[in-house]
């Protein structure tokens, strides 16, 4: 079990590596992909699974979210075809 502060700190550490790469090398590489994936997963879990958001204590079932994005993609695709 980890606290919200611990999870936020872990995200900061992961993102610090990507920022330092830009500062030190003046460029970015594909090596930061894993850090970004891990930071994104932690943030997603904080909001969707643990209810750690400014919206209050909410839990989003993954199936509902997948359905939502499927509807959004279908709508966007249909709009692109229609235009």
Protein backbone atom coordinates (compact mmCIF):
# COMPACT_ATOMS: atom_id res chain seq x y z
CA UNK A 1 0.00 0.00 0.00
CA UNK A 2 1.36 3.42 -0.99
CA UNK A 3 0.14 6.91 -0.20
CA UNK A 4 -0.81 9.55 -2.73
CA UNK A 5 2.35 11.50 -1.86
CA UNK A 6 4.51 8.44 -2.50
CA UNK A 7 2.89 7.83 -5.88
CA UNK A 8 3.27 11.48 -6.87
CA UNK A 9 6.94 11.35 -5.84
CA UNK A 10 7.48 8.27 -7.98
CA UNK A 11 5.97 10.08 -10.98
CA UNK A 12 8.26 13.05 -10.32
CA UNK A 13 11.32 10.81 -10.25
CA UNK A 14 10.32 9.13 -13.50
CA UNK A 15 9.73 12.47 -15.25
CA UNK A 16 12.92 13.99 -13.82
CA UNK A 17 14.91 11.46 -15.81
CA UNK A 18 13.34 12.60 -19.05
CA UNK A 19 13.88 16.28 -18.22
CA UNK A 20 17.50 15.72 -17.22
CA UNK A 21 18.13 13.97 -20.52
CA UNK A 22 16.94 17.07 -22.36
CA UNK A 23 19.07 19.36 -20.17
CA UNK A 24 22.25 17.29 -20.31
CA UNK A 25 22.11 16.14 -23.94
CA UNK A 26 19.93 18.85 -25.43
CA UNK A 27 17.83 16.16 -27.04
CA UNK A 28 15.51 13.31 -26.17
CA UNK A 29 15.84 9.61 -26.91
CA UNK A 30 13.63 6.57 -27.05
CA UNK A 31 15.11 5.49 -23.72
CA UNK A 32 12.53 7.57 -21.90
CA UNK A 33 9.63 5.54 -23.28
CA UNK A 34 9.53 3.18 -20.30
CA UNK A 35 9.64 6.05 -17.81
CA UNK A 36 6.74 7.78 -19.55
CA UNK A 37 4.74 4.55 -19.70
CA UNK A 38 5.29 3.88 -15.99
CA UNK A 39 4.44 7.47 -14.98
CA UNK A 40 1.29 7.35 -17.10
CA UNK A 41 0.22 4.04 -15.58
CA UNK A 42 0.73 5.33 -12.04
CA UNK A 43 -1.26 8.50 -12.80
CA UNK A 44 -4.02 6.49 -14.49
CA UNK A 45 -4.25 4.14 -11.53
CA UNK A 46 -4.33 7.02 -9.08
CA UNK A 47 -7.40 8.50 -10.77
CA UNK A 48 -9.21 5.44 -12.07
CA UNK A 49 -8.45 2.78 -9.49
CA UNK A 50 -7.62 4.58 -6.25
CA UNK A 51 -9.90 7.63 -6.48
CA UNK A 52 -6.96 10.03 -5.95
CA UNK A 53 -8.15 12.99 -7.97
CA UNK A 54 -9.62 16.45 -7.53
CA UNK A 55 -12.92 15.01 -8.76
CA UNK A 56 -13.28 13.15 -5.50
CA UNK A 57 -13.29 9.49 -4.72
CA UNK A 58 -14.26 7.83 -7.97
CA UNK A 59 -13.47 4.44 -9.43
CA UNK A 60 -13.70 3.87 -13.17
CA UNK A 61 -14.05 0.34 -14.40
CA UNK A 62 -11.60 -0.35 -17.22
CA UNK A 63 -14.36 -1.79 -19.39
CA UNK A 64 -16.34 1.44 -19.17
CA UNK A 65 -13.32 3.52 -20.09
CA UNK A 66 -12.46 1.24 -23.02
CA UNK A 67 -16.05 1.57 -24.26
CA UNK A 68 -15.90 5.37 -23.92
CA UNK A 69 -12.72 5.62 -26.01
CA UNK A 70 -14.13 3.20 -28.58
CA UNK A 71 -17.15 5.49 -28.98
CA UNK A 72 -14.88 8.54 -29.26
CA UNK A 73 -12.70 6.89 -31.92
CA UNK A 74 -15.72 5.72 -33.90
CA UNK A 75 -17.28 9.18 -33.75
CA UNK A 76 -14.03 10.84 -34.86
CA UNK A 77 -13.61 8.35 -37.69
CA UNK A 78 -17.20 8.90 -38.87
CA UNK A 79 -16.75 12.68 -38.72
CA UNK A 80 -13.55 12.43 -40.77
CA UNK A 81 -15.28 10.27 -43.38
CA UNK A 82 -18.25 12.65 -43.59
CA UNK A 83 -16.05 15.70 -44.19
